[in-house]
Amino acid sequence: MRILLTAIGKRVQLIKHLKKCNYLVGVDSGELAPGSFFVDAFFCVPPYHEEGYIETLVGICIKENIDMLIPLYEKEFMILDENRESFREHGTLLLLSHRAILELCNDKWNTYTFFKDNGINTPISYLKEQLVEADRIPMDYPIIIKPRDGMGSRGLCKIYDDEQLKYYLKGAENLIVQEFISGTEYTIDVLCDIEGNIISIVPRQRIEVRAGEVTKSRTERNEAIIRETEKLVAKMNSMGNGIKTIGPMNIQCIVEPDGDINFIEINPRFGGGVPLSFEAGVDYGDILNRMVLGDTIAPMIGEFEEVIMLRFDDAVFIR
C-alpha cells in the first residue's frame, strides 16, 4: 500500500513503523523536516492555509498513486474534510473521522460538553466569559487554564491564586478554566476501522512529559480504562447521521488514587507516543494495509504487551 503522511516534521518513529510494509510518501511545509530523510518520497508543500494546498496534495496523490492519506496536524483537518471527495475521486482514502467528530475534538469546550451530556467523568470546566461574568472562581486552587483550540500542552498553565488567574484571563481569549484533578495521567491509543468499529485500545501511562510530548511511558493493561474508552467511542458513534470515528485517535484521561477515571481530551490523530503501542504488538502498518484492501479485521482490544518506552533525541546531519 502507498501511504501519504502530512506535516511529517520529526515523526521519524511513526514513519519507520509504517514503512515496514508500506510505501511511504511524506509532505511538509518546510524543506528541513527531519522526517523527509526517512520516507520513500518527500514533497515540500504550501502551508495548509495557503492557496493551492489541496491542489498540491491531490497532485501528489495522483503522481504517487496514493491509497491512503493520513493527516497529522489538527489545523488542516477541516479543509481536508471539505475536500474528502477530491481525494476519493482519485482512489485515495482520507483516514480522518467525520466532520462532527472533528468539531467535537478540536474545540475543548465542545469536548467538555460532550462528556457532560453523555455522563462521562471529566473535570468541571468553565469558559473565561462565564467566570468574568460571575466575578468569582467556583473551584479551589490550583486550577488549569488552556486554550479551546490548543494542541499538546501549548498554552496550558496551572494557576495557584486569584492574582495569577486575573493576569492570564486579561491577556488571552478563548480560554477554558478547568478543575485540577490529581492522579496518574494516561494517553489511550485507539484505532478504528472505516466503519467506526474499534480495532485496538492501548492505554499508556505518561511517566514523564517534556513540552507536551511524552518522553517516558509504559503500556498498561488497565481493564477499567479500556472498558470506559469503549463506552466513550460508542457514544461518539451513536451521534447519528452516519457519524463515525475513523482511523487513529488518542484520548487522555487522569485516574485518581481511588480509581475514578476522568477523561479530559480526545484527539482524532496519532499521538506522539503511539510508537510505544506499535512496539507493544499492535501492527498499525499491517492493519491500515488490510483496511484499504477491504479485509475484515478482528478486534484486538487488550491484546498487547506491557512495555516501557524511554525516548531520546537523535539528529540528521546534512552536508
C-alpha atoms as a PDB file:
ATOM      1  CA  MET A   1       0.000   0.000   0.000  1.00  0.00           C
ATOM      2  CA  ARG A   2       1.076   3.576  -0.662  1.00  0.00           C
ATOM      3  CA  ILE A   3       0.505   5.988   2.234  1.00  0.00           C
ATOM      4  CA  LEU A   4       0.820   9.776   2.283  1.00  0.00           C
ATOM      5  CA  LEU A   5       1.542  11.453   5.636  1.00  0.00           C
ATOM      6  CA  THR A   6       1.172  15.232   6.014  1.00  0.00           C
ATOM      7  CA  ALA A   7       3.160  17.502   8.356  1.00  0.00           C
ATOM      8  CA  ILE A   8       5.757  14.804   8.962  1.00  0.00           C
ATOM      9  CA  GLY A   9       8.127  17.113  10.872  1.00  0.00           C
ATOM     10  CA  LYS A  10      10.105  14.851  13.192  1.00  0.00           C
ATOM     11  CA  ARG A  11       7.683  11.895  13.300  1.00  0.00           C
ATOM     12  CA  VAL A  12      10.521   9.507  12.479  1.00  0.00           C
ATOM     13  CA  GLN A  13       9.385   6.600  14.695  1.00  0.00           C
ATOM     14  CA  LEU A  14       5.932   6.671  13.104  1.00  0.00           C
ATOM     15  CA  ILE A  15       7.466   6.732   9.623  1.00  0.00           C
ATOM     16  CA  LYS A  16       9.802   3.831  10.338  1.00  0.00           C
ATOM     17  CA  HIS A  17       6.944   1.658  11.580  1.00  0.00           C
ATOM     18  CA  LEU A  18       4.583   2.346   8.674  1.00  0.00           C
ATOM     19  CA  LYS A  19       7.422   1.806   6.182  1.00  0.00           C
ATOM     20  CA  LYS A  20       7.868  -1.802   7.288  1.00  0.00           C
ATOM     21  CA  CYS A  21       5.075  -2.971   4.996  1.00  0.00           C
ATOM     22  CA  ASN A  22       4.072   0.118   3.013  1.00  0.00           C
ATOM     23  CA  TYR A  23       5.496   2.647   0.562  1.00  0.00           C
ATOM     24  CA  LEU A  24       5.521   5.951   2.441  1.00  0.00           C
ATOM     25  CA  VAL A  25       5.299   9.448   0.990  1.00  0.00           C
ATOM     26  CA  GLY A  26       5.741  12.436   3.311  1.00  0.00           C
ATOM     27  CA  VAL A  27       4.935  16.120   2.882  1.00  0.00           C
ATOM     28  CA  ASP A  28       5.766  19.152   4.984  1.00  0.00           C
ATOM     29  CA  SER A  29       5.778  22.931   4.514  1.00  0.00           C
ATOM     30  CA  GLY A  30       9.476  23.053   5.457  1.00  0.00           C
ATOM     31  CA  GLU A  31      12.351  21.664   3.384  1.00  0.00           C
ATOM     32  CA  LEU A  32      14.304  20.720   6.504  1.00  0.00           C
ATOM     33  CA  ALA A  33      11.793  18.353   8.097  1.00  0.00           C
ATOM     34  CA  PRO A  34      13.848  15.550   9.703  1.00  0.00           C
ATOM     35  CA  GLY A  35      11.210  13.026   8.647  1.00  0.00           C
ATOM     36  CA  SER A  36      11.962  13.795   4.986  1.00  0.00           C
ATOM     37  CA  PHE A  37      15.138  11.704   5.250  1.00  0.00           C
ATOM     38  CA  PHE A  38      13.218   8.569   6.251  1.00  0.00           C
ATOM     39  CA  VAL A  39      10.250   8.427   3.847  1.00  0.00           C
ATOM     40  CA  ASP A  40      10.358   6.791   0.424  1.00  0.00           C
ATOM     41  CA  ALA A  41       9.471  10.087  -1.245  1.00  0.00           C
ATOM     42  CA  PHE A  42       9.211  13.646   0.092  1.00  0.00           C
ATOM     43  CA  PHE A  43       7.460  16.762  -1.235  1.00  0.00           C
ATOM     44  CA  CYS A  44       7.579  20.311   0.128  1.00  0.00           C
ATOM     45  CA  VAL A  45       4.054  21.783   0.043  1.00  0.00           C
ATOM     46  CA  PRO A  46       2.430  25.157   0.856  1.00  0.00           C
ATOM     47  CA  PRO A  47       1.149  25.667   4.421  1.00  0.00           C
ATOM     48  CA  TYR A  48      -2.367  24.263   4.865  1.00  0.00           C
ATOM     49  CA  HIS A  49      -3.979  27.731   4.995  1.00  0.00           C
ATOM     50  CA  GLU A  50      -2.432  28.973   1.740  1.00  0.00           C
ATOM     51  CA  GLU A  51      -3.988  28.773  -1.703  1.00  0.00           C
ATOM     52  CA  GLY A  52      -3.002  25.667  -3.617  1.00  0.00           C
ATOM     53  CA  TYR A  53      -2.515  23.345  -0.645  1.00  0.00           C
ATOM     54  CA  ILE A  54      -5.314  20.921  -1.554  1.00  0.00           C
ATOM     55  CA  GLU A  55      -4.460  21.019  -5.263  1.00  0.00           C
ATOM     56  CA  THR A  56      -0.846  20.197  -4.438  1.00  0.00           C
ATOM     57  CA  LEU A  57      -1.840  17.255  -2.238  1.00  0.00           C
ATOM     58  CA  VAL A  58      -4.235  15.901  -4.871  1.00  0.00           C
ATOM     59  CA  GLY A  59      -1.467  16.190  -7.467  1.00  0.00           C
ATOM     60  CA  ILE A  60       0.902  14.196  -5.241  1.00  0.00           C
ATOM     61  CA  CYS A  61      -1.767  11.550  -4.656  1.00  0.00           C
ATOM     62  CA  ILE A  62      -2.161  11.148  -8.420  1.00  0.00           C
ATOM     63  CA  LYS A  63       1.579  11.153  -9.120  1.00  0.00           C
ATOM     64  CA  GLU A  64       2.362   8.632  -6.368  1.00  0.00           C
ATOM     65  CA  ASN A  65      -0.816   6.517  -6.720  1.00  0.00           C
ATOM     66  CA  ILE A  66      -1.624   7.076  -3.053  1.00  0.00           C
ATOM     67  CA  ASP A  67      -4.056   4.616  -1.459  1.00  0.00           C
ATOM     68  CA  MET A  68      -4.430   6.322   1.931  1.00  0.00           C
ATOM     69  CA  LEU A  69      -3.873   9.887   3.128  1.00  0.00           C
ATOM     70  CA  ILE A  70      -3.222  10.262   6.873  1.00  0.00           C
ATOM     71  CA  PRO A  71      -3.069  13.854   8.184  1.00  0.00           C
ATOM     72  CA  LEU A  72      -1.038  14.539  11.333  1.00  0.00           C
ATOM     73  CA  TYR A  73      -1.799  18.227  12.001  1.00  0.00           C
ATOM     74  CA  GLU A  74      -5.122  19.256  13.566  1.00  0.00           C
ATOM     75  CA  LYS A  75      -5.259  22.681  11.912  1.00  0.00           C
ATOM     76  CA  GLU A  76      -5.609  21.116   8.450  1.00  0.00           C
ATOM     77  CA  PHE A  77      -8.320  18.599   9.349  1.00  0.00           C
ATOM     78  CA  MET A  78     -11.296  20.767   8.399  1.00  0.00           C
ATOM     79  CA  ILE A  79     -10.024  21.766   4.961  1.00  0.00           C
ATOM     80  CA  LEU A  80      -9.106  18.151   4.230  1.00  0.00           C
ATOM     81  CA  ASP A  81     -12.569  17.007   5.287  1.00  0.00           C
ATOM     82  CA  GLU A  82     -14.145  19.602   2.974  1.00  0.00           C
ATOM     83  CA  ASN A  83     -12.183  18.089   0.086  1.00  0.00           C
ATOM     84  CA  ARG A  84     -12.609  14.421   1.009  1.00  0.00           C
ATOM     85  CA  GLU A  85     -14.312  13.659  -2.324  1.00  0.00           C
ATOM     86  CA  SER A  86     -11.465  15.223  -4.307  1.00  0.00           C
ATOM     87  CA  PHE A  87      -9.141  12.562  -2.915  1.00  0.00           C
ATOM     88  CA  ARG A  88     -11.695   9.762  -3.226  1.00  0.00           C
ATOM     89  CA  GLU A  89     -12.148  10.550  -6.942  1.00  0.00           C
ATOM     90  CA  HIS A  90      -8.509   9.613  -7.467  1.00  0.00           C
ATOM     91  CA  GLY A  91      -8.636   6.441  -5.366  1.00  0.00           C
ATOM     92  CA  THR A  92      -7.233   7.927  -2.154  1.00  0.00           C
ATOM     93  CA  LEU A  93      -8.934   7.181   1.168  1.00  0.00           C
ATOM     94  CA  LEU A  94      -8.703  10.058   3.666  1.00  0.00           C
ATOM     95  CA  LEU A  95      -8.225   8.375   7.042  1.00  0.00           C
ATOM     96  CA  LEU A  96      -9.982  11.015   9.112  1.00  0.00           C
ATOM     97  CA  SER A  97     -13.107  10.978  11.262  1.00  0.00           C
ATOM     98  CA  HIS A  98     -16.428  12.566  10.277  1.00  0.00           C
ATOM     99  CA  ARG A  99     -16.592  16.374  10.476  1.00  0.00           C
ATOM    100  CA  ALA A 100     -18.835  16.328  13.574  1.00  0.00           C
ATOM    101  CA  ILE A 101     -16.176  14.295  15.389  1.00  0.00           C
ATOM    102  CA  LEU A 102     -13.513  16.805  14.340  1.00  0.00           C
ATOM    103  CA  GLU A 103     -15.623  19.692  15.654  1.00  0.00           C
ATOM    104  CA  LEU A 104     -16.146  17.834  18.921  1.00  0.00           C
ATOM    105  CA  CYS A 105     -12.429  17.137  19.379  1.00  0.00           C
ATOM    106  CA  ASN A 106     -10.803  20.320  18.069  1.00  0.00           C
ATOM    107  CA  ASP A 107     -12.743  22.587  20.444  1.00  0.00           C
ATOM    108  CA  LYS A 108     -12.117  21.602  24.059  1.00  0.00           C
ATOM    109  CA  TRP A 109     -15.374  23.216  25.195  1.00  0.00           C
ATOM    110  CA  ASN A 110     -17.265  21.021  22.729  1.00  0.00           C
ATOM    111  CA  THR A 111     -15.385  18.044  24.141  1.00  0.00           C
ATOM    112  CA  TYR A 112     -16.306  19.005  27.703  1.00  0.00           C
ATOM    113  CA  THR A 113     -19.963  19.470  26.733  1.00  0.00           C
ATOM    114  CA  PHE A 114     -19.993  16.070  25.037  1.00  0.00           C
ATOM    115  CA  PHE A 115     -18.552  14.431  28.159  1.00  0.00           C
ATOM    116  CA  LYS A 116     -21.123  16.078  30.445  1.00  0.00           C
ATOM    117  CA  ASP A 117     -24.081  15.370  28.159  1.00  0.00           C
ATOM    118  CA  ASN A 118     -23.142  11.694  27.990  1.00  0.00           C
ATOM    119  CA  GLY A 119     -22.409  11.103  31.677  1.00  0.00           C
ATOM    120  CA  ILE A 120     -18.663  10.694  31.142  1.00  0.00           C
ATOM    121  CA  ASN A 121     -16.483  11.686  34.111  1.00  0.00           C
ATOM    122  CA  THR A 122     -14.494  14.842  33.368  1.00  0.00           C
ATOM    123  CA  PRO A 123     -13.082  17.778  35.391  1.00  0.00           C
ATOM    124  CA  ILE A 124     -15.535  20.650  35.942  1.00  0.00           C
ATOM    125  CA  SER A 125     -14.806  23.367  33.379  1.00  0.00           C
ATOM    126  CA  TYR A 126     -15.863  26.946  32.616  1.00  0.00           C
ATOM    127  CA  LEU A 127     -15.388  29.352  29.764  1.00  0.00           C
ATOM    128  CA  LYS A 128     -13.430  32.508  30.511  1.00  0.00           C
ATOM    129  CA  GLU A 129     -16.580  34.545  29.777  1.00  0.00           C
ATOM    130  CA  GLN A 130     -18.571  32.653  32.406  1.00  0.00           C
ATOM    131  CA  LEU A 131     -16.018  33.402  35.121  1.00  0.00           C
ATOM    132  CA  VAL A 132     -15.665  37.063  34.180  1.00  0.00           C
ATOM    133  CA  GLU A 133     -19.440  37.468  34.270  1.00  0.00           C
ATOM    134  CA  ALA A 134     -19.770  35.689  37.624  1.00  0.00           C
ATOM    135  CA  ASP A 135     -16.754  37.579  39.072  1.00  0.00           C
ATOM    136  CA  ARG A 136     -15.834  34.558  41.196  1.00  0.00           C
ATOM    137  CA  ILE A 137     -13.990  31.262  40.929  1.00  0.00           C
ATOM    138  CA  PRO A 138     -16.300  28.361  41.851  1.00  0.00           C
ATOM    139  CA  MET A 139     -13.338  25.981  42.247  1.00  0.00           C
ATOM    140  CA  ASP A 140     -10.495  25.509  44.664  1.00  0.00           C
ATOM    141  CA  TYR A 141      -6.941  26.278  43.578  1.00  0.00           C
ATOM    142  CA  PRO A 142      -4.883  25.051  41.848  1.00  0.00           C
ATOM    143  CA  ILE A 143      -6.820  25.136  38.589  1.00  0.00           C
ATOM    144  CA  ILE A 144      -5.884  24.626  34.943  1.00  0.00           C
ATOM    145  CA  ILE A 145      -6.358  27.098  32.092  1.00  0.00           C
ATOM    146  CA  LYS A 146      -5.878  26.181  28.446  1.00  0.00           C
ATOM    147  CA  PRO A 147      -6.946  27.425  25.004  1.00  0.00           C
ATOM    148  CA  ARG A 148     -10.097  25.940  23.496  1.00  0.00           C
ATOM    149  CA  ASP A 149      -8.184  25.036  20.336  1.00  0.00           C
ATOM    150  CA  GLY A 150      -4.845  24.153  21.946  1.00  0.00           C
ATOM    151  CA  MET A 151      -2.635  21.270  20.827  1.00  0.00           C
ATOM    152  CA  GLY A 152      -0.492  19.227  23.186  1.00  0.00           C
ATOM    153  CA  SER A 153       0.295  21.377  26.215  1.00  0.00           C
ATOM    154  CA  ARG A 154       0.623  24.657  24.295  1.00  0.00           C
ATOM    155  CA  GLY A 155      -0.900  27.480  26.292  1.00  0.00           C
ATOM    156  CA  LEU A 156      -1.724  25.232  29.251  1.00  0.00           C
ATOM    157  CA  CYS A 157      -0.947  26.710  32.653  1.00  0.00           C
ATOM    158  CA  LYS A 158      -1.502  25.715  36.273  1.00  0.00           C
ATOM    159  CA  ILE A 159      -2.902  28.604  38.332  1.00  0.00           C
ATOM    160  CA  TYR A 160      -2.458  28.907  42.088  1.00  0.00           C
ATOM    161  CA  ASP A 161      -4.243  32.136  43.140  1.00  0.00           C
ATOM    162  CA  ASP A 162      -6.604  34.951  42.129  1.00  0.00           C
ATOM    163  CA  GLU A 163      -3.844  37.340  41.104  1.00  0.00           C
ATOM    164  CA  GLN A 164      -2.268  34.862  38.720  1.00  0.00           C
ATOM    165  CA  LEU A 165      -5.661  33.952  37.251  1.00  0.00           C
ATOM    166  CA  LYS A 166      -6.621  37.603  36.640  1.00  0.00           C
ATOM    167  CA  TYR A 167      -3.327  38.153  34.832  1.00  0.00           C
ATOM    168  CA  TYR A 168      -3.944  35.239  32.437  1.00  0.00           C
ATOM    169  CA  LEU A 169      -7.630  35.986  31.902  1.00  0.00           C
ATOM    170  CA  LYS A 170      -6.791  39.576  30.993  1.00  0.00           C
ATOM    171  CA  GLY A 171      -4.258  38.663  28.327  1.00  0.00           C
ATOM    172  CA  ALA A 172      -5.891  35.861  26.332  1.00  0.00           C
ATOM    173  CA  GLU A 173      -9.128  34.886  24.630  1.00  0.00           C
ATOM    174  CA  ASN A 174     -10.909  31.576  24.017  1.00  0.00           C
ATOM    175  CA  LEU A 175      -9.800  30.033  27.291  1.00  0.00           C
ATOM    176  CA  ILE A 176     -11.176  27.163  29.312  1.00  0.00           C
ATOM    177  CA  VAL A 177     -10.732  27.156  33.068  1.00  0.00           C
ATOM    178  CA  GLN A 178     -10.699  23.619  34.436  1.00  0.00           C
ATOM    179  CA  GLU A 179     -10.720  21.897  37.793  1.00  0.00           C
ATOM    180  CA  PHE A 180      -7.338  20.365  38.619  1.00  0.00           C
ATOM    181  CA  ILE A 181      -7.527  16.609  39.120  1.00  0.00           C
ATOM    182  CA  SER A 182      -4.658  14.914  40.935  1.00  0.00           C
ATOM    183  CA  GLY A 183      -3.777  11.431  39.744  1.00  0.00           C
ATOM    184  CA  THR A 184      -1.996   9.352  37.116  1.00  0.00           C
ATOM    185  CA  GLU A 185      -2.143  10.578  33.527  1.00  0.00           C
ATOM    186  CA  TYR A 186      -2.795   8.204  30.633  1.00  0.00           C
ATOM    187  CA  THR A 187      -2.953   8.540  26.880  1.00  0.00           C
ATOM    188  CA  ILE A 188      -5.059   5.868  25.185  1.00  0.00           C
ATOM    189  CA  ASP A 189      -4.187   4.937  21.607  1.00  0.00           C
ATOM    190  CA  VAL A 190      -7.375   3.927  19.791  1.00  0.00           C
ATOM    191  CA  LEU A 191      -7.621   2.641  16.225  1.00  0.00           C
ATOM    192  CA  CYS A 192     -10.970   2.272  14.434  1.00  0.00           C
ATOM    193  CA  ASP A 193     -11.799   0.902  11.006  1.00  0.00           C
ATOM    194  CA  ILE A 194     -13.614   2.915   8.342  1.00  0.00           C
ATOM    195  CA  GLU A 195     -16.986   1.794   9.758  1.00  0.00           C
ATOM    196  CA  GLY A 196     -16.161   3.120  13.233  1.00  0.00           C
ATOM    197  CA  ASN A 197     -15.519  -0.312  14.771  1.00  0.00           C
ATOM    198  CA  ILE A 198     -12.778  -0.384  17.384  1.00  0.00           C
ATOM    199  CA  ILE A 199      -9.783  -2.494  16.381  1.00  0.00           C
ATOM    200  CA  SER A 200      -7.394  -1.675  19.213  1.00  0.00           C
ATOM    201  CA  ILE A 201      -7.221   0.179  22.543  1.00  0.00           C
ATOM    202  CA  VAL A 202      -3.869   0.616  24.288  1.00  0.00           C
ATOM    203  CA  PRO A 203      -3.604   2.713  27.498  1.00  0.00           C
ATOM    204  CA  ARG A 204      -0.186   4.293  28.037  1.00  0.00           C
ATOM    205  CA  GLN A 205       0.821   5.759  31.391  1.00  0.00           C
ATOM    206  CA  ARG A 206       2.551   9.117  30.931  1.00  0.00           C
ATOM    207  CA  ILE A 207       5.559   8.767  33.225  1.00  0.00           C
ATOM    208  CA  GLU A 208       7.423  11.861  32.016  1.00  0.00           C
ATOM    209  CA  VAL A 209       6.410  14.628  29.603  1.00  0.00           C
ATOM    210  CA  ARG A 210       8.537  17.368  28.050  1.00  0.00           C
ATOM    211  CA  ALA A 211       6.888  20.309  26.246  1.00  0.00           C
ATOM    212  CA  GLY A 212       3.695  18.304  25.834  1.00  0.00           C
ATOM    213  CA  GLU A 213       5.492  15.311  24.287  1.00  0.00           C
ATOM    214  CA  VAL A 214       5.771  12.096  26.288  1.00  0.00           C
ATOM    215  CA  THR A 215       9.395  11.056  26.889  1.00  0.00           C
ATOM    216  CA  LYS A 216       8.839   8.133  29.259  1.00  0.00           C
ATOM    217  CA  SER A 217       5.776   5.946  29.052  1.00  0.00           C
ATOM    218  CA  ARG A 218       4.547   2.412  29.575  1.00  0.00           C
ATOM    219  CA  THR A 219       1.651   0.416  28.217  1.00  0.00           C
ATOM    220  CA  GLU A 220      -0.699  -0.881  30.873  1.00  0.00           C
ATOM    221  CA  ARG A 221      -3.417  -3.499  30.505  1.00  0.00           C
ATOM    222  CA  ASN A 222      -5.815  -1.431  32.603  1.00  0.00           C
ATOM    223  CA  GLU A 223      -9.200  -3.101  32.132  1.00  0.00           C
ATOM    224  CA  ALA A 224     -11.156  -0.207  33.664  1.00  0.00           C
ATOM    225  CA  ILE A 225      -9.658   2.340  31.246  1.00  0.00           C
ATOM    226  CA  ILE A 226     -10.195   0.012  28.281  1.00  0.00           C
ATOM    227  CA  ARG A 227     -13.819  -0.575  29.265  1.00  0.00           C
ATOM    228  CA  GLU A 228     -14.585   3.140  29.745  1.00  0.00           C
ATOM    229  CA  THR A 229     -12.846   4.001  26.475  1.00  0.00           C
ATOM    230  CA  GLU A 230     -15.056   1.501  24.632  1.00  0.00           C
ATOM    231  CA  LYS A 231     -18.112   3.245  26.104  1.00  0.00           C
ATOM    232  CA  LEU A 232     -16.775   6.689  25.110  1.00  0.00           C
ATOM    233  CA  VAL A 233     -16.169   5.670  21.480  1.00  0.00           C
ATOM    234  CA  ALA A 234     -19.620   4.034  21.356  1.00  0.00           C
ATOM    235  CA  LYS A 235     -21.155   7.364  22.476  1.00  0.00           C
ATOM    236  CA  MET A 236     -19.297   9.174  19.684  1.00  0.00           C
ATOM    237  CA  ASN A 237     -20.508   6.644  17.121  1.00  0.00           C
ATOM    238  CA  SER A 238     -24.124   6.993  18.300  1.00  0.00           C
ATOM    239  CA  MET A 239     -24.398  10.698  17.418  1.00  0.00           C
ATOM    240  CA  GLY A 240     -26.455   9.769  14.339  1.00  0.00           C
ATOM    241  CA  ASN A 241     -26.396  10.739  10.647  1.00  0.00           C
ATOM    242  CA  GLY A 242     -23.666   8.233   9.869  1.00  0.00           C
ATOM    243  CA  ILE A 243     -21.148   9.986  12.120  1.00  0.00           C
ATOM    244  CA  LYS A 244     -18.239   7.656  12.874  1.00  0.00           C
ATOM    245  CA  THR A 245     -14.789   7.672  14.421  1.00  0.00           C
ATOM    246  CA  ILE A 246     -12.339   6.611  11.720  1.00  0.00           C
ATOM    247  CA  GLY A 247      -8.660   5.717  11.990  1.00  0.00           C
ATOM    248  CA  PRO A 248      -6.356   6.753  14.852  1.00  0.00           C
ATOM    249  CA  MET A 249      -7.316   8.681  17.977  1.00  0.00           C
ATOM    250  CA  ASN A 250      -5.509   9.464  21.171  1.00  0.00           C
ATOM    251  CA  ILE A 251      -7.645  10.038  24.244  1.00  0.00           C
ATOM    252  CA  GLN A 252      -6.334  11.464  27.503  1.00  0.00           C
ATOM    253  CA  CYS A 253      -7.535  10.728  30.999  1.00  0.00           C
ATOM    254  CA  ILE A 254      -6.493  11.071  34.635  1.00  0.00           C
ATOM    255  CA  VAL A 255      -7.020   8.221  37.081  1.00  0.00           C
ATOM    256  CA  GLU A 256      -7.468   9.424  40.670  1.00  0.00           C
ATOM    257  CA  PRO A 257      -5.994   7.475  43.619  1.00  0.00           C
ATOM    258  CA  ASP A 258      -9.453   5.990  44.344  1.00  0.00           C
ATOM    259  CA  GLY A 259      -9.644   4.644  40.768  1.00  0.00           C
ATOM    260  CA  ASP A 260     -12.067   7.213  39.325  1.00  0.00           C
ATOM    261  CA  ILE A 261     -11.319   7.884  35.639  1.00  0.00           C
ATOM    262  CA  ASN A 262     -11.648  11.448  34.360  1.00  0.00           C
ATOM    263  CA  PHE A 263     -11.450  11.964  30.592  1.00  0.00           C
ATOM    264  CA  ILE A 264     -10.014  15.312  29.539  1.00  0.00           C
ATOM    265  CA  GLU A 265      -9.251  15.287  25.787  1.00  0.00           C
ATOM    266  CA  ILE A 266      -9.893  13.480  22.513  1.00  0.00           C
ATOM    267  CA  ASN A 267      -7.549  13.999  19.561  1.00  0.00           C
ATOM    268  CA  PRO A 268      -8.528  12.417  16.208  1.00  0.00           C
ATOM    269  CA  ARG A 269      -4.952  11.647  15.140  1.00  0.00           C
ATOM    270  CA  PHE A 270      -1.834   9.680  16.015  1.00  0.00           C
ATOM    271  CA  GLY A 271      -0.429  10.651  19.415  1.00  0.00           C
ATOM    272  CA  GLY A 272       3.265  11.467  19.683  1.00  0.00           C
ATOM    273  CA  GLY A 273       3.843   8.371  21.812  1.00  0.00           C
ATOM    274  CA  VAL A 274       1.970   5.920  19.558  1.00  0.00           C
ATOM    275  CA  PRO A 275       5.227   4.109  18.590  1.00  0.00           C
ATOM    276  CA  LEU A 276       5.026   2.502  22.038  1.00  0.00           C
ATOM    277  CA  SER A 277       1.729   0.869  21.021  1.00  0.00           C
ATOM    278  CA  PHE A 278       3.419  -0.403  17.858  1.00  0.00           C
ATOM    279  CA  GLU A 279       6.204  -1.920  19.924  1.00  0.00           C
ATOM    280  CA  ALA A 280       3.672  -3.429  22.333  1.00  0.00           C
ATOM    281  CA  GLY A 281       2.325  -5.533  19.475  1.00  0.00           C
ATOM    282  CA  VAL A 282      -0.325  -3.548  17.572  1.00  0.00           C
ATOM    283  CA  ASP A 283       0.895  -3.524  13.949  1.00  0.00           C
ATOM    284  CA  TYR A 284      -0.768  -0.371  12.617  1.00  0.00           C
ATOM    285  CA  GLY A 285       1.099  -0.644   9.290  1.00  0.00           C
ATOM    286  CA  ASP A 286      -0.390  -4.064   8.560  1.00  0.00           C
ATOM    287  CA  ILE A 287      -3.847  -3.083   9.869  1.00  0.00           C
ATOM    288  CA  LEU A 288      -4.023   0.029   7.665  1.00  0.00           C
ATOM    289  CA  ASN A 289      -2.935  -2.055   4.693  1.00  0.00           C
ATOM    290  CA  ARG A 290      -5.730  -4.547   5.307  1.00  0.00           C
ATOM    291  CA  MET A 291      -8.184  -1.682   5.805  1.00  0.00           C
ATOM    292  CA  VAL A 292      -7.533  -0.395   2.279  1.00  0.00           C
ATOM    293  CA  LEU A 293      -7.845  -3.925   0.872  1.00  0.00           C
ATOM    294  CA  GLY A 294     -11.291  -4.219   2.476  1.00  0.00           C
ATOM    295  CA  ASP A 295     -10.340  -7.118   4.744  1.00  0.00           C
ATOM    296  CA  THR A 296     -12.395  -7.883   7.835  1.00  0.00           C
ATOM    297  CA  ILE A 297     -10.172  -7.058  10.801  1.00  0.00           C
ATOM    298  CA  ALA A 298     -10.932  -8.823  14.070  1.00  0.00           C
ATOM    299  CA  PRO A 299     -10.775  -6.592  17.165  1.00  0.00           C
ATOM    300  CA  MET A 300      -7.621  -6.975  19.240  1.00  0.00           C
ATOM    301  CA  ILE A 301      -8.685  -4.893  22.228  1.00  0.00           C
ATOM    302  CA  GLY A 302      -6.374  -5.516  25.174  1.00  0.00           C
ATOM    303  CA  GLU A 303      -4.063  -7.707  23.086  1.00  0.00           C
ATOM    304  CA  PHE A 304      -0.707  -6.066  23.681  1.00  0.00           C
ATOM    305  CA  GLU A 305       2.406  -6.388  25.810  1.00  0.00           C
ATOM    306  CA  GLU A 306       3.235  -4.193  28.771  1.00  0.00           C
ATOM    307  CA  VAL A 307       6.327  -2.332  27.579  1.00  0.00           C
ATOM    308  CA  ILE A 308       8.251   0.735  28.795  1.00  0.00           C
ATOM    309  CA  MET A 309       9.438   3.371  26.303  1.00  0.00           C
ATOM    310  CA  LEU A 310      12.312   5.765  27.056  1.00  0.00           C
ATOM    311  CA  ARG A 311      12.673   8.359  24.282  1.00  0.00           C
ATOM    312  CA  PHE A 312      15.794  10.350  23.484  1.00  0.00           C
ATOM    313  CA  ASP A 313      16.945  12.947  20.958  1.00  0.00           C
ATOM    314  CA  ASP A 314      18.638  11.980  17.717  1.00  0.00           C
ATOM    315  CA  ALA A 315      19.807  14.014  14.747  1.00  0.00           C
ATOM    316  CA  VAL A 316      20.256  14.114  10.979  1.00  0.00           C
ATOM    317  CA  PHE A 317      23.437  15.759   9.639  1.00  0.00           C
ATOM    318  CA  ILE A 318      23.431  17.358   6.182  1.00  0.00           C
ATOM    319  CA  ARG A 319      26.490  18.322   4.143  1.00  0.00           C
END
